[in-house]
């Protein structure tokens, strides 16, 4: 069986290479456990100066988590899904607090779970092939893996826009928004990685020296509209603003939002508002674990996965069907402690 994560030590660099190309390196529980194990080992290994995360082959860095596993578990007793979220969020948190520098190469598709393993890195390299998105509202999930922390900290209302619409942005947009720290052409990545491996102490200097000026950002060109029309944390206000604006861009956003789970968009806007106020990433992950355990028990998640991923008819029947029908009480209930009461906690090694 092919190893789904390649873990290597090369000249002072710990390398984590995602190796599940047929699934665009979507994360499984086993992959998360492998990454956690490697990172914990390297914390205490004085020979390891830094960590590099990339993918071994294929057209994307990481397309997300193993949605089929989560959805099948949600149809049953949710145990496997809860274990996955618990483990994945521990990995996200470990990356966030990791003492040694991490460089993530976000070359190609970087969505969902791929965002969760790249955003905590100190150095985040985007390319002309980068396609970044948090598309969860389209399947009745929510922008997790730290989305509640990262998205509200993007410029203006960029995070609210990306969370609610699931909009895809490119490498130039990522650099503009601070999602990426460096923009480098994909054809140069192998030489850059080789340079880092030959002189790990100069990791930051090598990336700085290789950085290129990205093309003009389309997201930046739309920033004024995003900040104005997505200004509210209340979904009905956003829809009213878009309808009143009437521009071609606003009409396009209304069409996109009409395909999303009303429950999930409302939840995401609340999640980002809550996350913006938090001072601890661990607190954010505790909140997101609560949300995950509750959301997979709601009808929209299984229905969204059916419509978009399994049957691909792209005609989900959301329940509730309209934003107005998604009550504040329903959203409040999704922030309740997990069924069974088992709260998320960081890895015990990090609490010592």
C-alpha atoms as a PDB file:
ATOM      1  CA  UNK A   1       0.000   0.000   0.000  1.00  0.00           C
ATOM      2  CA  UNK A   2       1.335   3.429  -0.944  1.00  0.00           C
ATOM      3  CA  UNK A   3       2.130   5.719   1.964  1.00  0.00           C
ATOM      4  CA  UNK A   4      -0.382   8.579   1.971  1.00  0.00           C
ATOM      5  CA  UNK A   5       2.094  10.893   3.704  1.00  0.00           C
ATOM      6  CA  UNK A   6       5.834  10.756   3.038  1.00  0.00           C
ATOM      7  CA  UNK A   7       7.812  11.724   6.131  1.00  0.00           C
ATOM      8  CA  UNK A   8      11.485  12.457   5.518  1.00  0.00           C
ATOM      9  CA  UNK A   9      14.450  14.012   7.283  1.00  0.00           C
ATOM     10  CA  UNK A  10      16.816  15.754   4.893  1.00  0.00           C
ATOM     11  CA  UNK A  11      19.793  17.815   6.037  1.00  0.00           C
ATOM     12  CA  UNK A  12      18.071  19.500   8.978  1.00  0.00           C
ATOM     13  CA  UNK A  13      14.663  19.781   7.327  1.00  0.00           C
ATOM     14  CA  UNK A  14      11.664  17.695   8.346  1.00  0.00           C
ATOM     15  CA  UNK A  15       9.612  17.059   5.209  1.00  0.00           C
ATOM     16  CA  UNK A  16       5.923  16.245   5.104  1.00  0.00           C
ATOM     17  CA  UNK A  17       4.810  15.362   1.567  1.00  0.00           C
ATOM     18  CA  UNK A  18       1.136  14.590   0.941  1.00  0.00           C
ATOM     19  CA  UNK A  19       0.929  11.544  -1.309  1.00  0.00           C
ATOM     20  CA  UNK A  20      -2.666  10.749  -2.192  1.00  0.00           C
ATOM     21  CA  UNK A  21      -2.792  12.233  -5.715  1.00  0.00           C
ATOM     22  CA  UNK A  22      -5.978  10.524  -6.955  1.00  0.00           C
ATOM     23  CA  UNK A  23      -7.897  12.308  -4.173  1.00  0.00           C
ATOM     24  CA  UNK A  24      -5.903  15.545  -4.625  1.00  0.00           C
ATOM     25  CA  UNK A  25      -4.273  14.648  -1.296  1.00  0.00           C
ATOM     26  CA  UNK A  26      -7.506  14.944   0.706  1.00  0.00           C
ATOM     27  CA  UNK A  27      -6.727  14.238   4.355  1.00  0.00           C
ATOM     28  CA  UNK A  28      -7.711  11.035   6.120  1.00  0.00           C
ATOM     29  CA  UNK A  29      -7.541  10.415   9.885  1.00  0.00           C
ATOM     30  CA  UNK A  30      -4.450   8.286   9.321  1.00  0.00           C
ATOM     31  CA  UNK A  31      -2.724  11.091   7.417  1.00  0.00           C
ATOM     32  CA  UNK A  32      -3.445  13.516  10.258  1.00  0.00           C
ATOM     33  CA  UNK A  33      -2.054  11.038  12.784  1.00  0.00           C
ATOM     34  CA  UNK A  34       1.112  10.571  10.715  1.00  0.00           C
ATOM     35  CA  UNK A  35       1.653  14.331  10.493  1.00  0.00           C
ATOM     36  CA  UNK A  36       1.082  14.741  14.240  1.00  0.00           C
ATOM     37  CA  UNK A  37       3.573  11.971  15.006  1.00  0.00           C
ATOM     38  CA  UNK A  38       6.270  13.485  12.784  1.00  0.00           C
ATOM     39  CA  UNK A  39       5.819  16.990  14.184  1.00  0.00           C
ATOM     40  CA  UNK A  40       5.962  15.757  17.779  1.00  0.00           C
ATOM     41  CA  UNK A  41       9.151  13.786  17.055  1.00  0.00           C
ATOM     42  CA  UNK A  42      10.809  16.783  15.401  1.00  0.00           C
ATOM     43  CA  UNK A  43       9.958  19.160  18.245  1.00  0.00           C
ATOM     44  CA  UNK A  44      12.568  17.424  20.400  1.00  0.00           C
ATOM     45  CA  UNK A  45      15.039  16.656  17.586  1.00  0.00           C
ATOM     46  CA  UNK A  46      17.788  19.286  17.675  1.00  0.00           C
ATOM     47  CA  UNK A  47      18.955  18.254  14.206  1.00  0.00           C
ATOM     48  CA  UNK A  48      15.674  19.488  12.673  1.00  0.00           C
ATOM     49  CA  UNK A  49      15.785  23.245  12.055  1.00  0.00           C
ATOM     50  CA  UNK A  50      12.569  23.691  10.083  1.00  0.00           C
ATOM     51  CA  UNK A  51       9.658  21.841   8.442  1.00  0.00           C
ATOM     52  CA  UNK A  52       8.491  21.866   4.819  1.00  0.00           C
ATOM     53  CA  UNK A  53       4.979  20.762   3.812  1.00  0.00           C
ATOM     54  CA  UNK A  54       4.131  20.112   0.158  1.00  0.00           C
ATOM     55  CA  UNK A  55       2.647  17.438  -2.092  1.00  0.00           C
ATOM     56  CA  UNK A  56       4.568  14.730  -3.893  1.00  0.00           C
ATOM     57  CA  UNK A  57       2.739  14.796  -7.237  1.00  0.00           C
ATOM     58  CA  UNK A  58      -0.549  15.671  -8.869  1.00  0.00           C
ATOM     59  CA  UNK A  59      -2.520  18.812  -9.609  1.00  0.00           C
ATOM     60  CA  UNK A  60      -3.107  20.175  -6.157  1.00  0.00           C
ATOM     61  CA  UNK A  61      -1.680  20.674  -2.704  1.00  0.00           C
ATOM     62  CA  UNK A  62      -4.702  19.428  -0.729  1.00  0.00           C
ATOM     63  CA  UNK A  63      -8.373  19.462  -1.705  1.00  0.00           C
ATOM     64  CA  UNK A  64      -9.707  19.130   1.840  1.00  0.00           C
ATOM     65  CA  UNK A  65     -10.706  16.353   4.180  1.00  0.00           C
ATOM     66  CA  UNK A  66     -12.142  12.933   3.406  1.00  0.00           C
ATOM     67  CA  UNK A  67     -15.717  14.106   2.938  1.00  0.00           C
ATOM     68  CA  UNK A  68     -16.997  10.654   1.943  1.00  0.00           C
ATOM     69  CA  UNK A  69     -15.800   9.205   5.260  1.00  0.00           C
ATOM     70  CA  UNK A  70     -17.411  12.041   7.215  1.00  0.00           C
ATOM     71  CA  UNK A  71     -20.706  11.819   5.316  1.00  0.00           C
ATOM     72  CA  UNK A  72     -20.968   8.032   5.630  1.00  0.00           C
ATOM     73  CA  UNK A  73     -20.277   8.329   9.354  1.00  0.00           C
ATOM     74  CA  UNK A  74     -22.891  11.077   9.659  1.00  0.00           C
ATOM     75  CA  UNK A  75     -25.469   8.680   8.204  1.00  0.00           C
ATOM     76  CA  UNK A  76     -24.535   6.180  10.923  1.00  0.00           C
ATOM     77  CA  UNK A  77     -23.543   7.088  14.500  1.00  0.00           C
ATOM     78  CA  UNK A  78     -21.107   9.945  13.714  1.00  0.00           C
ATOM     79  CA  UNK A  79     -18.294   8.254  15.704  1.00  0.00           C
ATOM     80  CA  UNK A  80     -15.761   8.094  12.853  1.00  0.00           C
ATOM     81  CA  UNK A  81     -16.507  11.661  11.793  1.00  0.00           C
ATOM     82  CA  UNK A  82     -16.075  12.962  15.326  1.00  0.00           C
ATOM     83  CA  UNK A  83     -12.749  11.104  15.659  1.00  0.00           C
ATOM     84  CA  UNK A  84     -11.587  12.632  12.368  1.00  0.00           C
ATOM     85  CA  UNK A  85     -12.482  16.176  13.395  1.00  0.00           C
ATOM     86  CA  UNK A  86     -10.922  15.702  16.849  1.00  0.00           C
ATOM     87  CA  UNK A  87      -7.656  14.452  15.326  1.00  0.00           C
ATOM     88  CA  UNK A  88      -7.547  16.932  12.448  1.00  0.00           C
ATOM     89  CA  UNK A  89      -8.147  19.883  14.760  1.00  0.00           C
ATOM     90  CA  UNK A  90      -5.357  18.669  17.065  1.00  0.00           C
ATOM     91  CA  UNK A  91      -3.069  18.658  14.029  1.00  0.00           C
ATOM     92  CA  UNK A  92      -4.226  22.176  13.055  1.00  0.00           C
ATOM     93  CA  UNK A  93      -3.504  23.414  16.569  1.00  0.00           C
ATOM     94  CA  UNK A  94      -0.090  21.693  16.721  1.00  0.00           C
ATOM     95  CA  UNK A  95       0.903  23.404  13.466  1.00  0.00           C
ATOM     96  CA  UNK A  96      -0.309  26.753  14.827  1.00  0.00           C
ATOM     97  CA  UNK A  97       1.764  26.610  18.026  1.00  0.00           C
ATOM     98  CA  UNK A  98       4.780  24.823  16.523  1.00  0.00           C
ATOM     99  CA  UNK A  99       8.040  26.304  17.722  1.00  0.00           C
ATOM    100  CA  UNK A 100      10.143  25.609  14.618  1.00  0.00           C
ATOM    101  CA  UNK A 101       9.548  27.472  11.340  1.00  0.00           C
ATOM    102  CA  UNK A 102       7.221  25.759   8.865  1.00  0.00           C
ATOM    103  CA  UNK A 103       7.074  26.489   5.131  1.00  0.00           C
ATOM    104  CA  UNK A 104       3.977  25.320   3.223  1.00  0.00           C
ATOM    105  CA  UNK A 105       3.903  25.247  -0.573  1.00  0.00           C
ATOM    106  CA  UNK A 106       0.313  25.951  -1.640  1.00  0.00           C
ATOM    107  CA  UNK A 107       0.838  24.975  -5.278  1.00  0.00           C
ATOM    108  CA  UNK A 108      -2.446  24.101  -6.984  1.00  0.00           C
ATOM    109  CA  UNK A 109      -5.758  23.365  -5.249  1.00  0.00           C
ATOM    110  CA  UNK A 110      -5.689  24.433  -1.588  1.00  0.00           C
ATOM    111  CA  UNK A 111      -9.125  24.033  -0.063  1.00  0.00           C
ATOM    112  CA  UNK A 112     -10.700  23.126   3.266  1.00  0.00           C
ATOM    113  CA  UNK A 113      -8.301  20.767   5.028  1.00  0.00           C
ATOM    114  CA  UNK A 114      -5.492  22.069   2.803  1.00  0.00           C
ATOM    115  CA  UNK A 115      -6.125  25.542   4.206  1.00  0.00           C
ATOM    116  CA  UNK A 116      -5.928  24.040   7.696  1.00  0.00           C
ATOM    117  CA  UNK A 117      -2.400  22.701   7.181  1.00  0.00           C
ATOM    118  CA  UNK A 118      -1.012  25.703   5.285  1.00  0.00           C
ATOM    119  CA  UNK A 119      -2.401  28.742   7.109  1.00  0.00           C
ATOM    120  CA  UNK A 120      -0.642  27.956  10.433  1.00  0.00           C
ATOM    121  CA  UNK A 121       2.751  27.866   8.664  1.00  0.00           C
ATOM    122  CA  UNK A 122       5.104  30.790   9.225  1.00  0.00           C
ATOM    123  CA  UNK A 123       5.904  30.846   5.486  1.00  0.00           C
ATOM    124  CA  UNK A 124       3.161  30.211   2.926  1.00  0.00           C
ATOM    125  CA  UNK A 125       4.101  30.103  -0.749  1.00  0.00           C
ATOM    126  CA  UNK A 126       1.445  30.657  -3.431  1.00  0.00           C
ATOM    127  CA  UNK A 127       1.975  30.228  -7.175  1.00  0.00           C
ATOM    128  CA  UNK A 128       0.129  31.006 -10.403  1.00  0.00           C
ATOM    129  CA  UNK A 129      -1.511  27.578 -10.005  1.00  0.00           C
ATOM    130  CA  UNK A 130      -2.889  28.210  -6.503  1.00  0.00           C
ATOM    131  CA  UNK A 131      -6.663  27.885  -6.166  1.00  0.00           C
ATOM    132  CA  UNK A 132      -7.633  28.757  -2.594  1.00  0.00           C
ATOM    133  CA  UNK A 133     -11.151  28.309  -1.223  1.00  0.00           C
ATOM    134  CA  UNK A 134     -13.252  27.407   1.780  1.00  0.00           C
ATOM    135  CA  UNK A 135     -16.216  25.909  -0.138  1.00  0.00           C
ATOM    136  CA  UNK A 136     -18.026  24.296   2.787  1.00  0.00           C
ATOM    137  CA  UNK A 137     -21.279  26.297   2.597  1.00  0.00           C
ATOM    138  CA  UNK A 138     -21.988  24.436  -0.660  1.00  0.00           C
ATOM    139  CA  UNK A 139     -22.171  21.088   1.148  1.00  0.00           C
ATOM    140  CA  UNK A 140     -23.839  22.172   4.373  1.00  0.00           C
ATOM    141  CA  UNK A 141     -20.665  22.065   6.449  1.00  0.00           C
ATOM    142  CA  UNK A 142     -18.854  25.275   7.579  1.00  0.00           C
ATOM    143  CA  UNK A 143     -15.358  26.777   7.106  1.00  0.00           C
ATOM    144  CA  UNK A 144     -13.580  24.813   9.813  1.00  0.00           C
ATOM    145  CA  UNK A 145      -9.903  23.779  10.388  1.00  0.00           C
ATOM    146  CA  UNK A 146      -9.307  27.233  11.869  1.00  0.00           C
ATOM    147  CA  UNK A 147     -11.459  29.248   9.468  1.00  0.00           C
ATOM    148  CA  UNK A 148     -13.098  30.963  12.428  1.00  0.00           C
ATOM    149  CA  UNK A 149      -9.676  32.327  13.369  1.00  0.00           C
ATOM    150  CA  UNK A 150      -8.077  33.107   9.990  1.00  0.00           C
ATOM    151  CA  UNK A 151     -10.971  34.413   7.916  1.00  0.00           C
ATOM    152  CA  UNK A 152     -12.100  37.315  10.150  1.00  0.00           C
ATOM    153  CA  UNK A 153      -8.452  38.434  10.334  1.00  0.00           C
ATOM    154  CA  UNK A 154      -8.180  38.929   6.565  1.00  0.00           C
ATOM    155  CA  UNK A 155      -8.458  42.510   5.237  1.00  0.00           C
ATOM    156  CA  UNK A 156     -11.876  44.137   5.571  1.00  0.00           C
ATOM    157  CA  UNK A 157     -14.753  41.755   4.908  1.00  0.00           C
ATOM    158  CA  UNK A 158     -12.731  39.431   2.659  1.00  0.00           C
ATOM    159  CA  UNK A 159     -13.166  36.553   5.112  1.00  0.00           C
ATOM    160  CA  UNK A 160     -16.935  36.918   5.352  1.00  0.00           C
ATOM    161  CA  UNK A 161     -17.127  36.983   1.549  1.00  0.00           C
ATOM    162  CA  UNK A 162     -14.969  33.852   1.129  1.00  0.00           C
ATOM    163  CA  UNK A 163     -16.783  31.983   3.912  1.00  0.00           C
ATOM    164  CA  UNK A 164     -20.298  32.660   2.684  1.00  0.00           C
ATOM    165  CA  UNK A 165     -19.808  32.348  -1.096  1.00  0.00           C
ATOM    166  CA  UNK A 166     -17.073  29.695  -1.048  1.00  0.00           C
ATOM    167  CA  UNK A 167     -15.338  31.913  -3.616  1.00  0.00           C
ATOM    168  CA  UNK A 168     -12.151  30.658  -5.264  1.00  0.00           C
ATOM    169  CA  UNK A 169      -9.166  32.997  -5.373  1.00  0.00           C
ATOM    170  CA  UNK A 170      -5.759  32.706  -7.028  1.00  0.00           C
ATOM    171  CA  UNK A 171      -2.169  33.074  -5.884  1.00  0.00           C
ATOM    172  CA  UNK A 172      -2.066  36.818  -6.517  1.00  0.00           C
ATOM    173  CA  UNK A 173      -5.198  37.238  -4.402  1.00  0.00           C
ATOM    174  CA  UNK A 174      -3.652  35.108  -1.655  1.00  0.00           C
ATOM    175  CA  UNK A 175      -0.565  37.304  -1.565  1.00  0.00           C
ATOM    176  CA  UNK A 176      -2.652  40.498  -1.490  1.00  0.00           C
ATOM    177  CA  UNK A 177      -4.823  39.217   1.363  1.00  0.00           C
ATOM    178  CA  UNK A 178      -1.917  37.963   3.455  1.00  0.00           C
ATOM    179  CA  UNK A 179      -2.985  34.342   3.029  1.00  0.00           C
ATOM    180  CA  UNK A 180       0.386  33.772   1.334  1.00  0.00           C
ATOM    181  CA  UNK A 181       3.647  35.299   2.553  1.00  0.00           C
ATOM    182  CA  UNK A 182       5.422  34.732  -0.783  1.00  0.00           C
ATOM    183  CA  UNK A 183       4.451  34.421  -4.458  1.00  0.00           C
ATOM    184  CA  UNK A 184       6.787  32.290  -6.602  1.00  0.00           C
ATOM    185  CA  UNK A 185       6.277  30.716 -10.054  1.00  0.00           C
ATOM    186  CA  UNK A 186       5.535  26.993  -9.799  1.00  0.00           C
ATOM    187  CA  UNK A 187       8.324  26.117 -12.253  1.00  0.00           C
ATOM    188  CA  UNK A 188      10.869  27.476  -9.750  1.00  0.00           C
ATOM    189  CA  UNK A 189       9.644  25.596  -6.681  1.00  0.00           C
ATOM    190  CA  UNK A 190      11.924  22.587  -7.027  1.00  0.00           C
ATOM    191  CA  UNK A 191      15.045  24.746  -7.204  1.00  0.00           C
ATOM    192  CA  UNK A 192      13.819  26.760  -4.203  1.00  0.00           C
ATOM    193  CA  UNK A 193      13.195  23.611  -2.169  1.00  0.00           C
ATOM    194  CA  UNK A 194      16.633  22.279  -3.155  1.00  0.00           C
ATOM    195  CA  UNK A 195      18.245  25.531  -2.015  1.00  0.00           C
ATOM    196  CA  UNK A 196      16.459  25.310   1.349  1.00  0.00           C
ATOM    197  CA  UNK A 197      17.505  21.682   1.783  1.00  0.00           C
ATOM    198  CA  UNK A 198      21.132  22.596   1.110  1.00  0.00           C
ATOM    199  CA  UNK A 199      21.094  25.500   3.604  1.00  0.00           C
ATOM    200  CA  UNK A 200      18.170  25.239   6.074  1.00  0.00           C
ATOM    201  CA  UNK A 201      19.377  28.157   8.180  1.00  0.00           C
ATOM    202  CA  UNK A 202      18.667  30.477   5.233  1.00  0.00           C
ATOM    203  CA  UNK A 203      15.074  29.305   4.665  1.00  0.00           C
ATOM    204  CA  UNK A 204      13.528  32.758   5.084  1.00  0.00           C
ATOM    205  CA  UNK A 205      16.269  34.527   3.124  1.00  0.00           C
ATOM    206  CA  UNK A 206      15.932  32.034   0.257  1.00  0.00           C
ATOM    207  CA  UNK A 207      12.154  32.555   0.058  1.00  0.00           C
ATOM    208  CA  UNK A 208      12.539  36.340   0.295  1.00  0.00           C
ATOM    209  CA  UNK A 209      15.153  36.302  -2.458  1.00  0.00           C
ATOM    210  CA  UNK A 210      12.981  34.160  -4.718  1.00  0.00           C
ATOM    211  CA  UNK A 211       9.752  36.107  -4.175  1.00  0.00           C
ATOM    212  CA  UNK A 212       8.155  37.588  -7.298  1.00  0.00           C
ATOM    213  CA  UNK A 213       5.688  40.405  -7.785  1.00  0.00           C
ATOM    214  CA  UNK A 214       2.348  38.721  -8.461  1.00  0.00           C
ATOM    215  CA  UNK A 215      -0.063  39.821 -11.187  1.00  0.00           C
ATOM    216  CA  UNK A 216      -2.809  42.277 -10.310  1.00  0.00           C
ATOM    217  CA  UNK A 217      -5.250  40.848  -7.772  1.00  0.00           C
ATOM    218  CA  UNK A 218      -8.854  40.540  -8.942  1.00  0.00           C
ATOM    219  CA  UNK A 219      -9.891  40.264  -5.316  1.00  0.00           C
ATOM    220  CA  UNK A 220      -8.272  43.629  -4.579  1.00  0.00           C
ATOM    221  CA  UNK A 221     -10.173  45.171  -7.477  1.00  0.00           C
ATOM    222  CA  UNK A 222     -13.413  43.989  -5.829  1.00  0.00           C
ATOM    223  CA  UNK A 223     -12.484  44.950  -2.264  1.00  0.00           C
ATOM    224  CA  UNK A 224     -14.660  48.070  -2.039  1.00  0.00           C
ATOM    225  CA  UNK A 225     -17.737  46.104  -3.117  1.00  0.00           C
ATOM    226  CA  UNK A 226     -16.921  43.236  -0.751  1.00  0.00           C
ATOM    227  CA  UNK A 227     -16.412  45.514   2.246  1.00  0.00           C
ATOM    228  CA  UNK A 228     -19.609  47.442   1.530  1.00  0.00           C
ATOM    229  CA  UNK A 229     -21.978  44.650   0.513  1.00  0.00           C
ATOM    230  CA  UNK A 230     -20.743  41.962   2.922  1.00  0.00           C
ATOM    231  CA  UNK A 231     -20.451  44.422   5.823  1.00  0.00           C
ATOM    232  CA  UNK A 232     -23.054  42.777   8.039  1.00  0.00           C
ATOM    233  CA  UNK A 233     -22.773  39.606  10.104  1.00  0.00           C
ATOM    234  CA  UNK A 234     -26.489  39.130   9.436  1.00  0.00           C
ATOM    235  CA  UNK A 235     -27.156  37.123   6.275  1.00  0.00           C
ATOM    236  CA  UNK A 236     -30.472  38.856   5.483  1.00  0.00           C
ATOM    237  CA  UNK A 237     -28.663  42.220   5.531  1.00  0.00           C
ATOM    238  CA  UNK A 238     -26.023  40.940   3.092  1.00  0.00           C
ATOM    239  CA  UNK A 239     -28.705  39.676   0.703  1.00  0.00           C
ATOM    240  CA  UNK A 240     -30.609  42.976   0.953  1.00  0.00           C
ATOM    241  CA  UNK A 241     -27.449  44.960   0.220  1.00  0.00           C
ATOM    242  CA  UNK A 242     -26.635  42.831  -2.815  1.00  0.00           C
ATOM    243  CA  UNK A 243     -30.200  43.143  -4.156  1.00  0.00           C
ATOM    244  CA  UNK A 244     -30.236  46.907  -3.625  1.00  0.00           C
ATOM    245  CA  UNK A 245     -26.872  47.319  -5.347  1.00  0.00           C
ATOM    246  CA  UNK A 246     -28.068  45.692  -8.539  1.00  0.00           C
ATOM    247  CA  UNK A 247     -24.643  45.612 -10.229  1.00  0.00           C
ATOM    248  CA  UNK A 248     -23.584  42.650 -12.372  1.00  0.00           C
ATOM    249  CA  UNK A 249     -21.114  41.581  -9.662  1.00  0.00           C
ATOM    250  CA  UNK A 250     -23.789  41.777  -6.951  1.00  0.00           C
ATOM    251  CA  UNK A 251     -26.210  39.744  -9.076  1.00  0.00           C
ATOM    252  CA  UNK A 252     -23.525  37.096  -9.553  1.00  0.00           C
ATOM    253  CA  UNK A 253     -22.987  36.848  -5.785  1.00  0.00           C
ATOM    254  CA  UNK A 254     -26.743  36.472  -5.243  1.00  0.00           C
ATOM    255  CA  UNK A 255     -26.788  33.604  -7.751  1.00  0.00           C
ATOM    256  CA  UNK A 256     -23.875  31.926  -5.984  1.00  0.00           C
ATOM    257  CA  UNK A 257     -25.415  32.373  -2.527  1.00  0.00           C
ATOM    258  CA  UNK A 258     -28.699  30.899  -3.758  1.00  0.00           C
ATOM    259  CA  UNK A 259     -26.906  27.554  -4.164  1.00  0.00           C
ATOM    260  CA  UNK A 260     -25.556  27.518  -0.590  1.00  0.00           C
ATOM    261  CA  UNK A 261     -27.071  26.110   2.573  1.00  0.00           C
ATOM    262  CA  UNK A 262     -28.864  29.014   4.315  1.00  0.00           C
ATOM    263  CA  UNK A 263     -28.156  27.362   7.673  1.00  0.00           C
ATOM    264  CA  UNK A 264     -24.441  27.129   6.913  1.00  0.00           C
ATOM    265  CA  UNK A 265     -24.036  30.691   5.637  1.00  0.00           C
ATOM    266  CA  UNK A 266     -25.719  32.034   8.774  1.00  0.00           C
ATOM    267  CA  UNK A 267     -23.565  29.746  10.900  1.00  0.00           C
ATOM    268  CA  UNK A 268     -20.362  30.798   9.116  1.00  0.00           C
ATOM    269  CA  UNK A 269     -21.035  34.508   9.616  1.00  0.00           C
ATOM    270  CA  UNK A 270     -21.665  33.893  13.325  1.00  0.00           C
ATOM    271  CA  UNK A 271     -18.605  31.622  13.565  1.00  0.00           C
ATOM    272  CA  UNK A 272     -16.351  34.344  12.121  1.00  0.00           C
ATOM    273  CA  UNK A 273     -17.810  36.984  14.425  1.00  0.00           C
ATOM    274  CA  UNK A 274     -17.173  34.722  17.437  1.00  0.00           C
ATOM    275  CA  UNK A 275     -13.693  33.762  16.216  1.00  0.00           C
ATOM    276  CA  UNK A 276     -12.714  37.398  15.685  1.00  0.00           C
ATOM    277  CA  UNK A 277     -13.216  38.034  19.397  1.00  0.00           C
ATOM    278  CA  UNK A 278     -11.167  35.065  20.560  1.00  0.00           C
ATOM    279  CA  UNK A 279      -7.611  35.466  21.825  1.00  0.00           C
ATOM    280  CA  UNK A 280      -6.670  31.778  21.740  1.00  0.00           C
ATOM    281  CA  UNK A 281      -6.523  29.508  18.690  1.00  0.00           C
ATOM    282  CA  UNK A 282      -7.295  26.561  20.975  1.00  0.00           C
ATOM    283  CA  UNK A 283     -10.557  28.249  22.013  1.00  0.00           C
ATOM    284  CA  UNK A 284     -11.443  28.644  18.337  1.00  0.00           C
ATOM    285  CA  UNK A 285     -10.800  24.966  17.657  1.00  0.00           C
ATOM    286  CA  UNK A 286     -12.899  24.007  20.690  1.00  0.00           C
ATOM    287  CA  UNK A 287     -15.750  26.060  19.210  1.00  0.00           C
ATOM    288  CA  UNK A 288     -15.292  24.512  15.762  1.00  0.00           C
ATOM    289  CA  UNK A 289     -15.339  20.986  17.183  1.00  0.00           C
ATOM    290  CA  UNK A 290     -18.668  21.767  18.851  1.00  0.00           C
ATOM    291  CA  UNK A 291     -19.983  23.083  15.532  1.00  0.00           C
ATOM    292  CA  UNK A 292     -18.710  20.060  13.615  1.00  0.00           C
ATOM    293  CA  UNK A 293     -20.352  17.576  15.967  1.00  0.00           C
ATOM    294  CA  UNK A 294     -23.682  19.399  15.745  1.00  0.00           C
ATOM    295  CA  UNK A 295     -23.657  20.237  12.020  1.00  0.00           C
ATOM    296  CA  UNK A 296     -23.068  16.660  10.828  1.00  0.00           C
ATOM    297  CA  UNK A 297     -26.282  15.720  12.670  1.00  0.00           C
ATOM    298  CA  UNK A 298     -28.307  18.299  10.754  1.00  0.00           C
ATOM    299  CA  UNK A 299     -29.932  17.326   7.421  1.00  0.00           C
ATOM    300  CA  UNK A 300     -28.024  19.832   5.269  1.00  0.00           C
ATOM    301  CA  UNK A 301     -24.636  18.141   5.496  1.00  0.00           C
ATOM    302  CA  UNK A 302     -25.663  14.697   4.260  1.00  0.00           C
ATOM    303  CA  UNK A 303     -27.903  16.319   1.632  1.00  0.00           C
ATOM    304  CA  UNK A 304     -25.167  18.700   0.463  1.00  0.00           C
ATOM    305  CA  UNK A 305     -22.647  15.898   0.051  1.00  0.00           C
ATOM    306  CA  UNK A 306     -25.242  13.839  -1.823  1.00  0.00           C
ATOM    307  CA  UNK A 307     -26.003  16.661  -4.262  1.00  0.00           C
ATOM    308  CA  UNK A 308     -22.493  17.994  -4.847  1.00  0.00           C
ATOM    309  CA  UNK A 309     -20.140  15.046  -4.334  1.00  0.00           C
ATOM    310  CA  UNK A 310     -21.946  11.694  -4.544  1.00  0.00           C
ATOM    311  CA  UNK A 311     -24.760  12.126  -7.069  1.00  0.00           C
ATOM    312  CA  UNK A 312     -23.501  15.441  -8.520  1.00  0.00           C
ATOM    313  CA  UNK A 313     -26.960  16.697  -9.464  1.00  0.00           C
ATOM    314  CA  UNK A 314     -26.080  20.045  -7.826  1.00  0.00           C
ATOM    315  CA  UNK A 315     -29.676  20.381  -6.664  1.00  0.00           C
ATOM    316  CA  UNK A 316     -29.538  20.169  -2.872  1.00  0.00           C
ATOM    317  CA  UNK A 317     -32.813  20.440  -0.990  1.00  0.00           C
ATOM    318  CA  UNK A 318     -31.797  22.516   1.998  1.00  0.00           C
ATOM    319  CA  UNK A 319     -33.698  22.267   5.273  1.00  0.00           C
ATOM    320  CA  UNK A 320     -34.502  24.987   6.315  1.00  0.00           C
ATOM    321  CA  UNK A 321     -34.870  26.135   2.715  1.00  0.00           C
ATOM    322  CA  UNK A 322     -34.600  29.911   3.217  1.00  0.00           C
ATOM    323  CA  UNK A 323     -32.464  32.247   5.340  1.00  0.00           C
ATOM    324  CA  UNK A 324     -35.600  33.547   7.060  1.00  0.00           C
ATOM    325  CA  UNK A 325     -36.461  30.029   8.223  1.00  0.00           C
ATOM    326  CA  UNK A 326     -33.064  29.576   9.898  1.00  0.00           C
ATOM    327  CA  UNK A 327     -33.838  30.872  13.367  1.00  0.00           C
ATOM    328  CA  UNK A 328     -31.426  32.344  15.884  1.00  0.00           C
ATOM    329  CA  UNK A 329     -32.366  29.476  18.190  1.00  0.00           C
ATOM    330  CA  UNK A 330     -31.233  26.959  15.569  1.00  0.00           C
ATOM    331  CA  UNK A 331     -27.873  28.704  15.123  1.00  0.00           C
ATOM    332  CA  UNK A 332     -27.481  28.959  18.907  1.00  0.00           C
ATOM    333  CA  UNK A 333     -28.054  25.218  19.213  1.00  0.00           C
ATOM    334  CA  UNK A 334     -25.122  24.500  16.892  1.00  0.00           C
ATOM    335  CA  UNK A 335     -22.758  26.136  19.403  1.00  0.00           C
ATOM    336  CA  UNK A 336     -23.872  23.757  22.170  1.00  0.00           C
ATOM    337  CA  UNK A 337     -21.420  21.226  23.660  1.00  0.00           C
ATOM    338  CA  UNK A 338     -20.930  18.041  21.624  1.00  0.00           C
ATOM    339  CA  UNK A 339     -23.485  15.258  22.041  1.00  0.00           C
ATOM    340  CA  UNK A 340     -21.981  13.032  24.721  1.00  0.00           C
ATOM    341  CA  UNK A 341     -20.154  16.010  26.201  1.00  0.00           C
ATOM    342  CA  UNK A 342     -16.621  15.176  25.005  1.00  0.00           C
ATOM    343  CA  UNK A 343     -15.042  18.572  24.357  1.00  0.00           C
ATOM    344  CA  UNK A 344     -12.051  19.064  22.066  1.00  0.00           C
ATOM    345  CA  UNK A 345      -8.665  19.445  23.745  1.00  0.00           C
ATOM    346  CA  UNK A 346      -5.157  20.129  22.428  1.00  0.00           C
ATOM    347  CA  UNK A 347      -2.610  17.323  22.351  1.00  0.00           C
ATOM    348  CA  UNK A 348      -1.531  16.457  25.911  1.00  0.00           C
ATOM    349  CA  UNK A 349       2.128  16.933  24.876  1.00  0.00           C
ATOM    350  CA  UNK A 350       1.394  20.625  24.308  1.00  0.00           C
ATOM    351  CA  UNK A 351      -0.069  21.170  27.745  1.00  0.00           C
ATOM    352  CA  UNK A 352       3.013  19.933  29.633  1.00  0.00           C
END
